[in-house]
Amino acid sequence: MSTIILNSNSVAGSTIIPNVFIDYYMPSANGSYVKVFLYLLRCINSGTDVEISISSIADKLDDTEKDIIRALVYWEKVDLISLIRNSNNDIISITINDINKVSQTQIESYDEVAPAVNMDKTLEVPVSQIPIDPSPIEKKELTPNQIFDKPTYSEAQIKQLTNTDEVKWLLNIIEIYLDRLIKPMDLQLILYLYESLGFSAELIMYLYEYCVSKNKKNPSYIEAVALSWAEEGIDTVEKAEAATALYNTNYNAVNKAFGLNRAPGQVEKQYINKWLNKFNFTIEIIVEACNRTILQTQKPDFKYADKILENWNKKGVKEFSQIALLDEEHMKVAAAKTNQTKVTQAVKPQNNNRFNAFPQRTYTDEDYSSMEQRLLHKK
């Protein structure tokens, strides 16, 4: 991905977090989004122009590139940053706007949802003690671009959304999975999954079951998995089970080929996802590239494997059998080069010594006898 030029229209100096950000912006934002904005502030105060990239931010924050882009789009929507994109819709410039110039109207609009931040009292008791209203909740139909806009639910909205048997039951089950009481951040996420993303209660329960089974209880991780499912059109437990099984199978196959006894790191996952989703290679082709990498480098080098797969992708490889054809073609080209080298060496003079520039005389036995007689007569 291309390098992004980061610049600011405010005075650079030490990294200072304005109170208005903490009071009005941070409570309404996802924790991952806050990390991205704080990292941008840190970068911008290290120099006038800083060269960064989506991948470098993802590596630094141990997040996915999609999550970084999602965070940047969020801060653009609330006017804290301005983004410039090229013709391919890649972000090429980020400008951090002066947060202190936020209008009073914007602050008042944030005040309307600010009570949602002070929800600890509401959830000091177990979810099982929240009263139930049996009336069903009507879910909104949202466009694909809208479903990823995460709202912050006020106390009134929370009360309405949790007053159904289904949601009440869902929250009880999730408490069991998490082995603790639900926190405000958990509740915001669950309601987002249920009301905005349109996940069924069964799908949300499977999501939490899956993440907890991987020892991942952090809301940010659970949200990232959920958004990935939403982007892939996974809307049933059956689809989620198939996707997670395939996910585990693919990752395990790469790990086995590379001889790794651990889960892939964040950057390594990005490579695997690139090979599967961007290049659309089968796991058989990917494993072959991993095997060749080990033979060539004697180590699990994802970058080296990526170069092999990029080359195959450029040459239009779609099936495993095409790799053998490429190998044959490569061997023919290599053999032709070897033969050409041998021919070139054969026509070159074997000895370029200047004494060899004169024609050499050949002597017979008679010549040697004649020379011997002449030498004897001289004595």
Protein backbone atom coordinates (compact mmCIF):
# COMPACT_ATOMS: atom_id res chain seq x y z
CA MET A 1 0.00 0.00 0.00
CA SER A 2 1.27 3.51 -0.83
CA THR A 3 3.01 5.82 1.64
CA ILE A 4 0.82 8.48 3.25
CA ILE A 5 2.01 12.01 3.97
CA LEU A 6 0.77 13.10 7.40
CA ASN A 7 0.59 16.82 8.10
CA SER A 8 -1.15 19.17 10.50
CA ASN A 9 -2.67 22.65 10.41
CA SER A 10 -1.94 23.21 14.10
CA VAL A 11 1.33 24.09 15.82
CA ALA A 12 3.60 21.07 16.39
CA GLY A 13 5.17 20.44 19.77
CA SER A 14 4.80 17.89 22.52
CA THR A 15 2.02 15.35 22.25
CA ILE A 16 -0.87 16.99 24.07
CA ILE A 17 -4.35 15.49 24.28
CA PRO A 18 -6.91 18.31 24.35
CA ASN A 19 -9.65 18.12 26.98
CA VAL A 20 -12.32 18.44 24.30
CA PHE A 21 -11.14 15.14 22.81
CA ILE A 22 -11.32 13.36 26.16
CA ASP A 23 -14.67 14.94 27.10
CA TYR A 24 -16.60 14.75 23.83
CA TYR A 25 -14.88 12.50 21.31
CA MET A 26 -13.20 9.67 23.19
CA PRO A 27 -16.30 8.38 25.07
CA SER A 28 -18.18 7.94 21.80
CA ALA A 29 -15.39 6.20 19.91
CA ASN A 30 -14.29 2.61 19.75
CA GLY A 31 -11.13 1.90 21.74
CA SER A 32 -9.23 0.92 18.58
CA TYR A 33 -10.23 4.19 16.94
CA VAL A 34 -8.88 6.13 19.91
CA LYS A 35 -5.54 4.29 19.64
CA VAL A 36 -5.25 5.26 15.97
CA PHE A 37 -5.96 8.94 16.65
CA LEU A 38 -3.48 9.09 19.54
CA TYR A 39 -0.84 7.44 17.36
CA LEU A 40 -1.43 10.05 14.66
CA LEU A 41 -0.95 12.81 17.25
CA ARG A 42 2.30 11.20 18.35
CA CYS A 43 3.55 10.95 14.75
CA ILE A 44 2.65 14.49 13.82
CA ASN A 45 4.60 15.86 16.77
CA SER A 46 7.78 14.09 15.75
CA GLY A 47 8.35 16.33 12.72
CA THR A 48 6.74 18.59 10.13
CA ASP A 49 6.00 15.89 7.55
CA VAL A 50 5.92 12.24 8.54
CA GLU A 51 5.78 9.35 6.09
CA ILE A 52 3.59 6.52 7.32
CA SER A 53 1.40 3.87 5.71
CA ILE A 54 -1.70 1.93 6.61
CA SER A 55 0.41 -1.20 7.02
CA SER A 56 2.96 0.55 9.27
CA ILE A 57 0.18 1.82 11.55
CA ALA A 58 -1.37 -1.66 11.61
CA ASP A 59 1.99 -3.19 12.56
CA LYS A 60 2.60 -0.61 15.27
CA LEU A 61 -0.84 -1.04 16.86
CA ASP A 62 -1.05 -4.80 16.21
CA ASP A 63 -4.26 -4.36 14.24
CA THR A 64 -5.52 -5.13 10.74
CA GLU A 65 -5.28 -2.68 7.85
CA LYS A 66 -9.06 -2.75 7.50
CA ASP A 67 -9.42 -1.69 11.14
CA ILE A 68 -6.99 1.19 10.61
CA ILE A 69 -8.88 2.41 7.53
CA ARG A 70 -12.17 2.07 9.40
CA ALA A 71 -10.79 4.20 12.24
CA LEU A 72 -9.52 6.89 9.85
CA VAL A 73 -12.89 7.07 8.13
CA TYR A 74 -14.58 7.43 11.52
CA TRP A 75 -12.38 10.38 12.55
CA GLU A 76 -12.95 11.95 9.15
CA LYS A 77 -16.70 11.78 9.70
CA VAL A 78 -16.44 13.65 13.00
CA ASP A 79 -14.13 16.23 11.36
CA LEU A 80 -11.04 15.57 13.49
CA ILE A 81 -9.02 14.65 10.42
CA SER A 82 -9.22 15.26 6.68
CA LEU A 83 -8.30 12.55 4.20
CA ILE A 84 -7.13 12.86 0.60
CA ARG A 85 -7.47 9.84 -1.68
CA ASN A 86 -6.07 9.04 -5.11
CA SER A 87 -7.93 7.66 -8.12
CA ASN A 88 -7.74 4.14 -6.63
CA ASN A 89 -9.41 5.41 -3.44
CA ASP A 90 -6.18 4.82 -1.48
CA ILE A 91 -5.51 7.32 1.32
CA ILE A 92 -2.49 9.42 0.38
CA SER A 93 -2.72 12.28 2.87
CA ILE A 94 -4.03 12.82 6.40
CA THR A 95 -4.48 16.26 7.93
CA ILE A 96 -5.17 16.51 11.66
CA ASN A 97 -7.58 19.37 12.17
CA ASP A 98 -7.41 21.76 15.10
CA ILE A 99 -9.62 20.06 17.66
CA ASN A 100 -10.00 23.26 19.68
CA LYS A 101 -11.99 24.81 16.83
CA VAL A 102 -14.90 22.42 17.35
CA SER A 103 -18.08 24.46 17.18
CA GLN A 104 -20.45 24.71 20.12
CA THR A 105 -23.09 22.98 17.99
CA GLN A 106 -20.90 19.90 17.65
CA ILE A 107 -20.20 19.84 21.38
CA GLU A 108 -23.90 20.09 22.16
CA SER A 109 -24.60 17.20 19.79
CA TYR A 110 -22.08 15.10 21.68
CA ASP A 111 -23.68 16.11 24.97
CA GLU A 112 -26.86 14.38 23.83
CA VAL A 113 -25.11 10.98 23.89
CA ALA A 114 -22.71 11.73 26.75
CA PRO A 115 -24.90 10.04 29.42
CA ALA A 116 -24.06 6.71 27.75
CA VAL A 117 -20.57 7.05 29.18
CA ASN A 118 -21.78 7.01 32.79
CA MET A 119 -23.41 3.58 32.74
CA ASP A 120 -21.47 1.87 35.55
CA LYS A 121 -24.29 2.35 38.03
CA THR A 122 -26.74 0.76 35.66
CA LEU A 123 -24.63 -2.39 35.43
CA GLU A 124 -23.48 -2.77 39.02
CA VAL A 125 -26.10 -5.51 39.32
CA PRO A 126 -26.13 -8.71 37.23
CA VAL A 127 -27.92 -8.61 33.89
CA SER A 128 -30.44 -11.09 35.31
CA GLN A 129 -31.93 -8.29 37.44
CA ILE A 130 -32.73 -6.01 34.51
CA PRO A 131 -36.52 -5.87 34.01
CA ILE A 132 -38.02 -7.43 30.89
CA ASP A 133 -40.47 -5.90 28.45
CA PRO A 134 -41.77 -8.70 26.19
CA SER A 135 -42.51 -6.36 23.29
CA PRO A 136 -40.23 -7.09 20.31
CA ILE A 137 -37.60 -4.69 18.98
CA GLU A 138 -37.95 -3.64 15.39
CA LYS A 139 -34.54 -3.79 13.72
CA LYS A 140 -33.64 -1.11 11.22
CA GLU A 141 -32.76 -2.00 7.65
CA LEU A 142 -29.39 -0.42 6.88
CA THR A 143 -27.33 -0.15 3.73
CA PRO A 144 -23.94 -1.92 3.57
CA ASN A 145 -22.11 1.39 4.11
CA GLN A 146 -24.18 2.24 7.17
CA ILE A 147 -23.83 -1.00 9.10
CA PHE A 148 -20.22 -0.27 10.03
CA ASP A 149 -21.04 3.12 11.59
CA LYS A 150 -20.95 2.23 15.26
CA PRO A 151 -23.28 4.39 17.34
CA THR A 152 -23.07 5.07 21.06
CA TYR A 153 -26.27 4.08 22.82
CA SER A 154 -27.75 6.36 25.47
CA GLU A 155 -29.28 5.07 28.72
CA ALA A 156 -32.75 5.42 27.22
CA GLN A 157 -31.75 3.42 24.14
CA ILE A 158 -30.08 0.75 26.27
CA LYS A 159 -33.18 0.40 28.39
CA GLN A 160 -35.34 -0.02 25.30
CA LEU A 161 -33.02 -2.47 23.54
CA THR A 162 -32.50 -4.68 26.59
CA ASN A 163 -36.20 -4.95 27.45
CA THR A 164 -36.85 -8.11 25.44
CA ASP A 165 -36.65 -11.78 26.33
CA GLU A 166 -34.23 -12.47 23.47
CA VAL A 167 -31.69 -9.78 24.40
CA LYS A 168 -32.04 -10.56 28.10
CA TRP A 169 -31.31 -14.24 27.40
CA LEU A 170 -28.42 -13.27 25.12
CA LEU A 171 -26.79 -11.12 27.79
CA ASN A 172 -27.10 -13.87 30.37
CA ILE A 173 -25.36 -16.36 28.07
CA ILE A 174 -22.55 -13.92 27.26
CA GLU A 175 -21.97 -13.32 30.97
CA ILE A 176 -21.45 -17.06 31.30
CA TYR A 177 -19.00 -17.11 28.38
CA LEU A 178 -17.02 -14.15 29.75
CA ASP A 179 -17.19 -15.51 33.31
CA ARG A 180 -17.91 -12.04 34.67
CA LEU A 181 -20.56 -9.33 34.71
CA ILE A 182 -21.05 -7.40 31.49
CA LYS A 183 -19.27 -4.05 31.39
CA PRO A 184 -20.50 -0.90 29.62
CA MET A 185 -18.14 -1.48 26.66
CA ASP A 186 -19.43 -5.05 26.35
CA LEU A 187 -23.02 -3.89 26.31
CA GLN A 188 -22.37 -1.21 23.70
CA LEU A 189 -20.76 -3.84 21.46
CA ILE A 190 -23.51 -6.43 21.93
CA LEU A 191 -26.23 -3.91 21.10
CA TYR A 192 -24.23 -2.76 18.06
CA LEU A 193 -23.97 -6.34 16.80
CA TYR A 194 -27.66 -6.98 17.42
CA GLU A 195 -29.25 -3.70 16.40
CA SER A 196 -26.87 -2.24 13.79
CA LEU A 197 -25.11 -5.22 12.21
CA GLY A 198 -28.29 -7.27 12.39
CA PHE A 199 -26.65 -10.34 13.93
CA SER A 200 -29.10 -12.80 15.42
CA ALA A 201 -28.83 -13.70 19.09
CA GLU A 202 -27.61 -17.17 18.10
CA LEU A 203 -24.89 -15.73 15.85
CA ILE A 204 -23.72 -13.34 18.58
CA MET A 205 -23.50 -16.22 21.05
CA TYR A 206 -21.47 -18.27 18.58
CA LEU A 207 -19.20 -15.23 18.01
CA TYR A 208 -18.47 -14.97 21.73
CA GLU A 209 -18.10 -18.73 22.07
CA TYR A 210 -15.59 -18.77 19.20
CA CYS A 211 -13.54 -15.83 20.52
CA VAL A 212 -13.50 -17.10 24.11
CA SER A 213 -12.36 -20.52 22.85
CA LYS A 214 -9.31 -18.72 21.43
CA ASN A 215 -8.83 -17.04 24.83
CA LYS A 216 -9.84 -13.68 23.35
CA LYS A 217 -12.31 -11.75 25.53
CA ASN A 218 -11.30 -8.23 24.55
CA PRO A 219 -14.25 -6.32 23.01
CA SER A 220 -11.98 -4.86 20.32
CA TYR A 221 -10.96 -8.33 19.14
CA ILE A 222 -14.55 -9.58 19.20
CA GLU A 223 -15.69 -6.54 17.23
CA ALA A 224 -12.96 -7.05 14.63
CA VAL A 225 -14.07 -10.65 14.07
CA ALA A 226 -17.72 -9.55 13.84
CA LEU A 227 -16.96 -6.85 11.26
CA SER A 228 -14.95 -9.35 9.23
CA TRP A 229 -17.96 -11.68 9.23
CA ALA A 230 -20.29 -8.86 8.23
CA GLU A 231 -18.04 -7.90 5.31
CA GLU A 232 -17.97 -11.52 4.15
CA GLY A 233 -21.76 -11.81 4.34
CA ILE A 234 -21.73 -14.27 7.24
CA ASP A 235 -25.18 -13.91 8.77
CA THR A 236 -25.94 -17.37 10.16
CA VAL A 237 -24.31 -19.71 12.64
CA GLU A 238 -23.88 -22.29 9.87
CA LYS A 239 -21.94 -19.85 7.71
CA ALA A 240 -19.84 -18.78 10.68
CA GLU A 241 -19.01 -22.39 11.55
CA ALA A 242 -17.95 -23.07 7.97
CA ALA A 243 -15.85 -19.88 7.84
CA THR A 244 -14.09 -20.52 11.14
CA ALA A 245 -13.39 -24.14 10.19
CA LEU A 246 -11.90 -23.02 6.88
CA TYR A 247 -9.99 -20.25 8.65
CA ASN A 248 -8.45 -22.68 11.12
CA THR A 249 -7.72 -25.24 8.39
CA ASN A 250 -5.91 -22.69 6.22
CA TYR A 251 -3.86 -21.20 9.05
CA ASN A 252 -2.96 -24.65 10.36
CA ALA A 253 -1.83 -25.73 6.88
CA VAL A 254 0.51 -22.74 6.57
CA ASN A 255 1.81 -23.29 10.10
CA LYS A 256 2.52 -26.94 9.31
CA ALA A 257 4.30 -26.09 6.06
CA PHE A 258 6.47 -23.54 7.86
CA GLY A 259 6.99 -25.76 10.91
CA LEU A 260 5.43 -23.21 13.28
CA ASN A 261 4.02 -24.28 16.62
CA ARG A 262 2.22 -21.02 17.29
CA ALA A 263 -0.61 -18.96 15.90
CA PRO A 264 0.38 -16.58 13.06
CA GLY A 265 1.13 -13.01 14.09
CA GLN A 266 -0.88 -10.04 12.86
CA VAL A 267 1.39 -9.29 9.88
CA GLU A 268 1.60 -12.99 9.02
CA LYS A 269 -2.20 -13.20 9.02
CA GLN A 270 -2.30 -10.29 6.60
CA TYR A 271 -0.03 -12.20 4.24
CA ILE A 272 -2.21 -15.32 4.45
CA ASN A 273 -5.40 -13.31 3.92
CA LYS A 274 -3.77 -11.60 0.93
CA TRP A 275 -2.91 -14.95 -0.64
CA LEU A 276 -6.39 -16.35 -0.01
CA ASN A 277 -8.60 -13.33 -0.68
CA LYS A 278 -6.64 -11.07 -3.04
CA PHE A 279 -4.83 -13.69 -5.11
CA ASN A 280 -7.64 -16.24 -4.60
CA PHE A 281 -5.10 -19.07 -4.35
CA THR A 282 -6.09 -22.47 -3.00
CA ILE A 283 -4.39 -23.58 0.19
CA GLU A 284 -2.61 -26.26 -1.88
CA ILE A 285 -0.85 -23.57 -3.95
CA ILE A 286 0.01 -21.55 -0.84
CA VAL A 287 1.49 -24.58 0.91
CA GLU A 288 3.62 -25.30 -2.18
CA ALA A 289 5.05 -21.76 -1.99
CA CYS A 290 5.75 -22.25 1.73
CA ASN A 291 7.53 -25.56 1.02
CA ARG A 292 9.71 -23.94 -1.64
CA THR A 293 10.50 -21.10 0.76
CA ILE A 294 11.75 -23.52 3.40
CA LEU A 295 13.89 -25.39 0.83
CA GLN A 296 15.42 -22.15 -0.44
CA THR A 297 15.84 -20.11 2.78
CA GLN A 298 15.81 -22.82 5.47
CA LYS A 299 13.37 -20.72 7.52
CA PRO A 300 9.67 -19.68 7.57
CA ASP A 301 9.99 -16.46 5.56
CA PHE A 302 6.55 -15.01 4.78
CA LYS A 303 8.06 -12.24 2.61
CA TYR A 304 9.90 -14.76 0.44
CA ALA A 305 6.75 -16.88 0.07
CA ASP A 306 4.85 -13.72 -0.83
CA LYS A 307 7.28 -13.01 -3.69
CA ILE A 308 6.75 -16.53 -5.05
CA LEU A 309 2.98 -16.17 -4.89
CA GLU A 310 3.05 -12.67 -6.39
CA ASN A 311 5.01 -14.05 -9.34
CA TRP A 312 2.53 -16.89 -9.80
CA ASN A 313 -0.34 -14.45 -9.57
CA LYS A 314 1.21 -12.21 -12.25
CA LYS A 315 1.61 -15.25 -14.50
CA GLY A 316 -2.06 -16.13 -14.11
CA VAL A 317 -1.76 -19.26 -12.00
CA LYS A 318 -5.21 -20.46 -10.97
CA GLU A 319 -4.68 -24.18 -10.52
CA PHE A 320 -1.93 -26.23 -8.93
CA SER A 321 -1.17 -28.03 -12.22
CA GLN A 322 -0.14 -24.73 -13.82
CA ILE A 323 2.83 -24.49 -11.46
CA ALA A 324 4.42 -27.56 -13.06
CA LEU A 325 4.06 -25.94 -16.49
CA LEU A 326 5.78 -22.81 -15.21
CA ASP A 327 8.58 -24.98 -13.78
CA GLU A 328 9.07 -26.69 -17.16
CA GLU A 329 9.16 -23.36 -18.94
CA HIS A 330 11.68 -22.04 -16.42
CA MET A 331 13.89 -25.12 -16.87
CA LYS A 332 13.83 -24.71 -20.66
CA VAL A 333 14.85 -21.07 -20.39
CA ALA A 334 17.60 -21.93 -17.90
CA ALA A 335 18.87 -24.77 -20.14
CA ALA A 336 18.92 -22.46 -23.16
CA LYS A 337 20.96 -19.91 -21.23
CA THR A 338 23.39 -22.63 -20.12
CA ASN A 339 23.88 -23.87 -23.69
CA GLN A 340 24.41 -20.35 -24.96
CA THR A 341 27.08 -19.82 -22.31
CA LYS A 342 28.89 -23.00 -23.35
CA VAL A 343 28.87 -21.99 -27.03
CA THR A 344 30.21 -18.55 -26.18
CA GLN A 345 33.02 -20.02 -24.13
CA ALA A 346 33.93 -22.52 -26.91
CA VAL A 347 34.51 -19.85 -29.56
CA LYS A 348 36.70 -17.74 -27.29
CA PRO A 349 40.56 -18.14 -27.65
CA GLN A 350 41.79 -20.51 -24.95
CA ASN A 351 44.95 -18.46 -24.36
CA ASN A 352 45.23 -14.76 -25.03
CA ASN A 353 49.03 -14.70 -24.42
CA ARG A 354 50.65 -12.36 -27.00
CA PHE A 355 53.19 -15.01 -27.99
CA ASN A 356 50.41 -17.14 -29.34
CA ALA A 357 49.53 -14.47 -31.86
CA PHE A 358 52.18 -15.92 -34.32
CA PRO A 359 51.61 -19.11 -36.30
CA GLN A 360 53.34 -22.13 -34.70
CA ARG A 361 55.73 -24.36 -36.79
CA THR A 362 55.39 -28.14 -36.74
CA TYR A 363 58.66 -30.22 -36.74
CA THR A 364 59.10 -33.75 -38.18
CA ASP A 365 61.63 -36.44 -37.17
CA GLU A 366 63.76 -35.49 -40.17
CA ASP A 367 63.87 -31.90 -39.03
CA TYR A 368 65.11 -32.90 -35.57
CA SER A 369 67.81 -35.20 -37.16
CA SER A 370 69.01 -32.44 -39.48
CA MET A 371 69.27 -29.96 -36.59
CA GLU A 372 71.26 -32.51 -34.60
CA GLN A 373 73.78 -33.01 -37.44
CA ARG A 374 74.30 -29.27 -37.86
CA LEU A 375 74.96 -28.82 -34.17
CA LEU A 376 77.56 -31.66 -34.21
CA HIS A 377 79.49 -30.17 -37.18
CA LYS A 378 79.77 -26.81 -35.36
CA LYS A 379 82.00 -28.31 -32.67
